[in-house]
Amino acid sequence: MSVLLRQLRGIIIVGAATAMIPFFLSAYSLMSGPVPPAYADQQPQTEIVKLIHAEAGNGIYFIPAGEAPGLIRKAGRSASKKQLDAAERLALGLPIDINSATEEELMLIPGIGPVMSDRIIAGRILLGRYDDVNQLTGIKGIKEKTLKKISPYLYVDGEKPERQPR
């Protein structure tokens, strides 16, 4: 067999293998089911969506405000939107609302233990609701230093929650 014939056969084999790649990629995408689009990071005008999907799995997405219905439609009928719980928010670097956090959720914050979380909730009951995170300084055991440590993890509904520093 001549060198030219072997080279020609090699080129044909490589060409055939290359032509098969799109077929395998499309077959793989059909088998994996619908996947909602992943958005990279939180931006100023984004909404956080926790998507529950039976086939494609669950996911948390930062999407432009108002696009949640479109995301759910793309994911299919078995998808739904749920609120993030406190542990998920804190894991993503997002603060939790001090007016709706439970005692257990407050204890997820570094520097807040069972006694302090109990005092925070008792203060919330006494006041009706916190209007500002700075009101926590009225609680026994929370001075300016402690407030500075825990305030990145908390916000008051109505305030714009900021991303907590890492």
C-alpha atoms as a PDB file:
ATOM      1  CA  MET A   1       0.000   0.000   0.000  1.00  0.00           C
ATOM      2  CA  SER A   2       1.435   3.301  -0.985  1.00  0.00           C
ATOM      3  CA  VAL A   3       1.900   6.259   1.338  1.00  0.00           C
ATOM      4  CA  LEU A   4      -0.558   8.306  -0.701  1.00  0.00           C
ATOM      5  CA  LEU A   5      -3.304   5.691  -0.299  1.00  0.00           C
ATOM      6  CA  ARG A   6      -2.740   5.494   3.480  1.00  0.00           C
ATOM      7  CA  GLN A   7      -2.902   9.278   3.757  1.00  0.00           C
ATOM      8  CA  LEU A   8      -6.132   9.340   1.768  1.00  0.00           C
ATOM      9  CA  ARG A   9      -7.716   6.699   4.027  1.00  0.00           C
ATOM     10  CA  GLY A  10      -6.616   8.663   7.129  1.00  0.00           C
ATOM     11  CA  ILE A  11      -8.179  11.859   5.782  1.00  0.00           C
ATOM     12  CA  ILE A  12     -11.456  10.020   5.060  1.00  0.00           C
ATOM     13  CA  ILE A  13     -11.541   8.513   8.582  1.00  0.00           C
ATOM     14  CA  VAL A  14     -10.843  11.865  10.268  1.00  0.00           C
ATOM     15  CA  GLY A  15     -13.451  13.570   8.073  1.00  0.00           C
ATOM     16  CA  ALA A  16     -16.097  10.946   8.907  1.00  0.00           C
ATOM     17  CA  ALA A  17     -15.340  11.184  12.643  1.00  0.00           C
ATOM     18  CA  THR A  18     -15.566  14.982  12.499  1.00  0.00           C
ATOM     19  CA  ALA A  19     -18.889  14.800  10.674  1.00  0.00           C
ATOM     20  CA  MET A  20     -20.322  12.612  13.469  1.00  0.00           C
ATOM     21  CA  ILE A  21     -19.606  15.132  16.281  1.00  0.00           C
ATOM     22  CA  PRO A  22     -22.741  17.271  15.732  1.00  0.00           C
ATOM     23  CA  PHE A  23     -24.882  14.117  15.724  1.00  0.00           C
ATOM     24  CA  PHE A  24     -23.539  13.009  19.116  1.00  0.00           C
ATOM     25  CA  LEU A  25     -23.896  16.501  20.603  1.00  0.00           C
ATOM     26  CA  SER A  26     -27.528  16.824  19.520  1.00  0.00           C
ATOM     27  CA  ALA A  27     -28.338  13.315  20.792  1.00  0.00           C
ATOM     28  CA  TYR A  28     -26.779  14.182  24.165  1.00  0.00           C
ATOM     29  CA  SER A  29     -28.766  17.418  24.476  1.00  0.00           C
ATOM     30  CA  LEU A  30     -32.017  15.532  23.746  1.00  0.00           C
ATOM     31  CA  MET A  31     -31.252  12.956  26.448  1.00  0.00           C
ATOM     32  CA  SER A  32     -30.384  15.506  29.128  1.00  0.00           C
ATOM     33  CA  GLY A  33     -33.840  17.164  29.087  1.00  0.00           C
ATOM     34  CA  PRO A  34     -34.698  20.839  29.319  1.00  0.00           C
ATOM     35  CA  VAL A  35     -32.166  22.934  31.170  1.00  0.00           C
ATOM     36  CA  PRO A  36     -33.039  26.460  32.267  1.00  0.00           C
ATOM     37  CA  PRO A  37     -30.516  29.131  31.336  1.00  0.00           C
ATOM     38  CA  ALA A  38     -27.858  29.819  33.950  1.00  0.00           C
ATOM     39  CA  TYR A  39     -27.084  33.440  34.629  1.00  0.00           C
ATOM     40  CA  ALA A  40     -23.666  34.195  35.965  1.00  0.00           C
ATOM     41  CA  ASP A  41     -24.002  36.569  38.874  1.00  0.00           C
ATOM     42  CA  GLN A  42     -26.164  39.019  40.744  1.00  0.00           C
ATOM     43  CA  GLN A  43     -26.380  42.453  39.157  1.00  0.00           C
ATOM     44  CA  PRO A  44     -28.151  45.567  40.507  1.00  0.00           C
ATOM     45  CA  GLN A  45     -31.487  44.920  38.735  1.00  0.00           C
ATOM     46  CA  THR A  46     -31.717  41.140  39.147  1.00  0.00           C
ATOM     47  CA  GLU A  47     -34.166  38.783  40.743  1.00  0.00           C
ATOM     48  CA  ILE A  48     -33.170  35.609  42.553  1.00  0.00           C
ATOM     49  CA  VAL A  49     -35.143  32.575  41.422  1.00  0.00           C
ATOM     50  CA  LYS A  50     -35.001  29.112  42.946  1.00  0.00           C
ATOM     51  CA  LEU A  51     -36.263  26.828  40.216  1.00  0.00           C
ATOM     52  CA  ILE A  52     -37.697  23.434  41.113  1.00  0.00           C
ATOM     53  CA  HIS A  53     -37.771  21.111  38.113  1.00  0.00           C
ATOM     54  CA  ALA A  54     -38.501  17.387  38.212  1.00  0.00           C
ATOM     55  CA  GLU A  55     -36.355  16.316  35.231  1.00  0.00           C
ATOM     56  CA  ALA A  56     -33.649  18.953  34.931  1.00  0.00           C
ATOM     57  CA  GLY A  57     -33.047  19.307  38.660  1.00  0.00           C
ATOM     58  CA  ASN A  58     -33.134  22.319  40.909  1.00  0.00           C
ATOM     59  CA  GLY A  59     -31.189  25.518  40.540  1.00  0.00           C
ATOM     60  CA  ILE A  60     -30.812  29.049  41.828  1.00  0.00           C
ATOM     61  CA  TYR A  61     -30.538  31.722  39.172  1.00  0.00           C
ATOM     62  CA  PHE A  62     -29.864  35.467  39.130  1.00  0.00           C
ATOM     63  CA  ILE A  63     -31.962  36.794  36.257  1.00  0.00           C
ATOM     64  CA  PRO A  64     -33.003  40.240  35.036  1.00  0.00           C
ATOM     65  CA  ALA A  65     -36.024  41.564  36.924  1.00  0.00           C
ATOM     66  CA  GLY A  66     -39.337  40.385  35.497  1.00  0.00           C
ATOM     67  CA  GLU A  67     -37.953  37.459  33.499  1.00  0.00           C
ATOM     68  CA  ALA A  68     -38.893  34.720  36.012  1.00  0.00           C
ATOM     69  CA  PRO A  69     -42.092  33.713  34.163  1.00  0.00           C
ATOM     70  CA  GLY A  70     -40.110  33.233  30.941  1.00  0.00           C
ATOM     71  CA  LEU A  71     -37.519  31.113  32.735  1.00  0.00           C
ATOM     72  CA  ILE A  72     -40.223  28.881  34.198  1.00  0.00           C
ATOM     73  CA  ARG A  73     -41.913  28.582  30.780  1.00  0.00           C
ATOM     74  CA  LYS A  74     -38.614  27.525  29.168  1.00  0.00           C
ATOM     75  CA  ALA A  75     -38.038  24.937  31.880  1.00  0.00           C
ATOM     76  CA  GLY A  76     -41.384  23.294  31.219  1.00  0.00           C
ATOM     77  CA  ARG A  77     -44.661  22.631  33.009  1.00  0.00           C
ATOM     78  CA  SER A  78     -43.086  20.718  35.874  1.00  0.00           C
ATOM     79  CA  ALA A  79     -41.052  23.761  37.013  1.00  0.00           C
ATOM     80  CA  SER A  80     -42.027  26.172  39.752  1.00  0.00           C
ATOM     81  CA  LYS A  81     -40.497  29.147  41.563  1.00  0.00           C
ATOM     82  CA  LYS A  82     -39.813  29.091  45.300  1.00  0.00           C
ATOM     83  CA  GLN A  83     -38.355  31.520  47.818  1.00  0.00           C
ATOM     84  CA  LEU A  84     -34.824  30.958  49.046  1.00  0.00           C
ATOM     85  CA  ASP A  85     -34.538  29.950  52.665  1.00  0.00           C
ATOM     86  CA  ALA A  86     -32.133  31.731  55.023  1.00  0.00           C
ATOM     87  CA  ALA A  87     -29.355  29.138  54.697  1.00  0.00           C
ATOM     88  CA  GLU A  88     -29.422  29.415  50.878  1.00  0.00           C
ATOM     89  CA  ARG A  89     -29.434  33.221  51.005  1.00  0.00           C
ATOM     90  CA  LEU A  90     -26.488  33.308  53.398  1.00  0.00           C
ATOM     91  CA  ALA A  91     -24.580  30.713  51.343  1.00  0.00           C
ATOM     92  CA  LEU A  92     -24.998  32.934  48.265  1.00  0.00           C
ATOM     93  CA  GLY A  93     -23.729  35.963  50.178  1.00  0.00           C
ATOM     94  CA  LEU A  94     -27.167  37.527  50.473  1.00  0.00           C
ATOM     95  CA  PRO A  95     -28.592  38.961  53.716  1.00  0.00           C
ATOM     96  CA  ILE A  96     -31.761  37.780  55.449  1.00  0.00           C
ATOM     97  CA  ASP A  97     -34.721  39.904  56.533  1.00  0.00           C
ATOM     98  CA  ILE A  98     -34.533  40.537  60.256  1.00  0.00           C
ATOM     99  CA  ASN A  99     -38.317  40.927  60.485  1.00  0.00           C
ATOM    100  CA  SER A 100     -39.094  37.477  59.104  1.00  0.00           C
ATOM    101  CA  ALA A 101     -36.086  35.427  60.254  1.00  0.00           C
ATOM    102  CA  THR A 102     -36.721  32.662  62.772  1.00  0.00           C
ATOM    103  CA  GLU A 103     -34.580  31.994  65.826  1.00  0.00           C
ATOM    104  CA  GLU A 104     -32.818  29.133  64.008  1.00  0.00           C
ATOM    105  CA  GLU A 105     -32.168  31.272  60.931  1.00  0.00           C
ATOM    106  CA  LEU A 106     -30.652  34.065  63.015  1.00  0.00           C
ATOM    107  CA  MET A 107     -28.304  31.532  64.629  1.00  0.00           C
ATOM    108  CA  LEU A 108     -26.808  30.832  61.172  1.00  0.00           C
ATOM    109  CA  ILE A 109     -25.181  34.266  61.341  1.00  0.00           C
ATOM    110  CA  PRO A 110     -21.671  34.311  62.832  1.00  0.00           C
ATOM    111  CA  GLY A 111     -21.782  35.993  66.242  1.00  0.00           C
ATOM    112  CA  ILE A 112     -25.452  35.225  66.952  1.00  0.00           C
ATOM    113  CA  GLY A 113     -26.159  32.335  69.276  1.00  0.00           C
ATOM    114  CA  PRO A 114     -29.369  31.070  70.901  1.00  0.00           C
ATOM    115  CA  VAL A 115     -29.498  33.801  73.570  1.00  0.00           C
ATOM    116  CA  MET A 116     -28.856  36.641  71.120  1.00  0.00           C
ATOM    117  CA  SER A 117     -31.356  35.338  68.547  1.00  0.00           C
ATOM    118  CA  ASP A 118     -33.964  35.020  71.305  1.00  0.00           C
ATOM    119  CA  ARG A 119     -33.298  38.648  72.332  1.00  0.00           C
ATOM    120  CA  ILE A 120     -33.561  39.850  68.712  1.00  0.00           C
ATOM    121  CA  ILE A 121     -36.931  38.150  68.266  1.00  0.00           C
ATOM    122  CA  ALA A 122     -38.158  39.455  71.653  1.00  0.00           C
ATOM    123  CA  GLY A 123     -37.167  42.972  70.551  1.00  0.00           C
ATOM    124  CA  ARG A 124     -39.006  42.499  67.269  1.00  0.00           C
ATOM    125  CA  ILE A 125     -42.144  41.418  69.133  1.00  0.00           C
ATOM    126  CA  LEU A 126     -41.826  44.398  71.498  1.00  0.00           C
ATOM    127  CA  LEU A 127     -41.359  46.904  68.647  1.00  0.00           C
ATOM    128  CA  GLY A 128     -43.783  45.238  66.249  1.00  0.00           C
ATOM    129  CA  ARG A 129     -41.035  45.248  63.596  1.00  0.00           C
ATOM    130  CA  TYR A 130     -37.579  46.658  63.055  1.00  0.00           C
ATOM    131  CA  ASP A 131     -37.415  49.697  60.799  1.00  0.00           C
ATOM    132  CA  ASP A 132     -33.628  49.682  60.614  1.00  0.00           C
ATOM    133  CA  VAL A 133     -30.842  47.237  61.387  1.00  0.00           C
ATOM    134  CA  ASN A 134     -29.273  49.884  63.650  1.00  0.00           C
ATOM    135  CA  GLN A 135     -32.163  49.371  66.105  1.00  0.00           C
ATOM    136  CA  LEU A 136     -30.402  46.178  67.194  1.00  0.00           C
ATOM    137  CA  THR A 137     -28.062  48.295  69.334  1.00  0.00           C
ATOM    138  CA  GLY A 138     -30.972  48.619  71.766  1.00  0.00           C
ATOM    139  CA  ILE A 139     -30.658  44.893  72.518  1.00  0.00           C
ATOM    140  CA  LYS A 140     -28.517  43.788  75.445  1.00  0.00           C
ATOM    141  CA  GLY A 141     -25.224  42.431  74.143  1.00  0.00           C
ATOM    142  CA  ILE A 142     -25.264  44.242  70.788  1.00  0.00           C
ATOM    143  CA  LYS A 143     -22.979  47.254  70.709  1.00  0.00           C
ATOM    144  CA  GLU A 144     -21.484  49.029  67.687  1.00  0.00           C
ATOM    145  CA  LYS A 145     -18.726  46.409  67.238  1.00  0.00           C
ATOM    146  CA  THR A 146     -21.178  43.492  67.224  1.00  0.00           C
ATOM    147  CA  LEU A 147     -23.603  45.375  64.972  1.00  0.00           C
ATOM    148  CA  LYS A 148     -20.799  46.026  62.482  1.00  0.00           C
ATOM    149  CA  LYS A 149     -20.022  42.283  62.495  1.00  0.00           C
ATOM    150  CA  ILE A 150     -23.615  41.047  61.970  1.00  0.00           C
ATOM    151  CA  SER A 151     -25.174  43.840  59.879  1.00  0.00           C
ATOM    152  CA  PRO A 152     -23.816  42.583  56.497  1.00  0.00           C
ATOM    153  CA  TYR A 153     -25.943  39.454  57.033  1.00  0.00           C
ATOM    154  CA  LEU A 154     -29.173  41.306  57.806  1.00  0.00           C
ATOM    155  CA  TYR A 155     -31.554  43.745  56.195  1.00  0.00           C
ATOM    156  CA  VAL A 156     -34.982  45.183  56.919  1.00  0.00           C
ATOM    157  CA  ASP A 157     -37.685  44.504  54.333  1.00  0.00           C
ATOM    158  CA  GLY A 158     -38.026  47.733  52.392  1.00  0.00           C
ATOM    159  CA  GLU A 159     -34.291  48.414  52.423  1.00  0.00           C
ATOM    160  CA  LYS A 160     -32.333  47.280  49.412  1.00  0.00           C
ATOM    161  CA  PRO A 161     -30.436  44.156  50.508  1.00  0.00           C
ATOM    162  CA  GLU A 162     -26.778  44.355  49.583  1.00  0.00           C
ATOM    163  CA  ARG A 163     -24.485  41.458  48.874  1.00  0.00           C
ATOM    164  CA  GLN A 164     -22.532  40.527  51.967  1.00  0.00           C
ATOM    165  CA  PRO A 165     -18.744  40.900  51.816  1.00  0.00           C
ATOM    166  CA  ARG A 166     -16.723  37.699  51.482  1.00  0.00           C
END
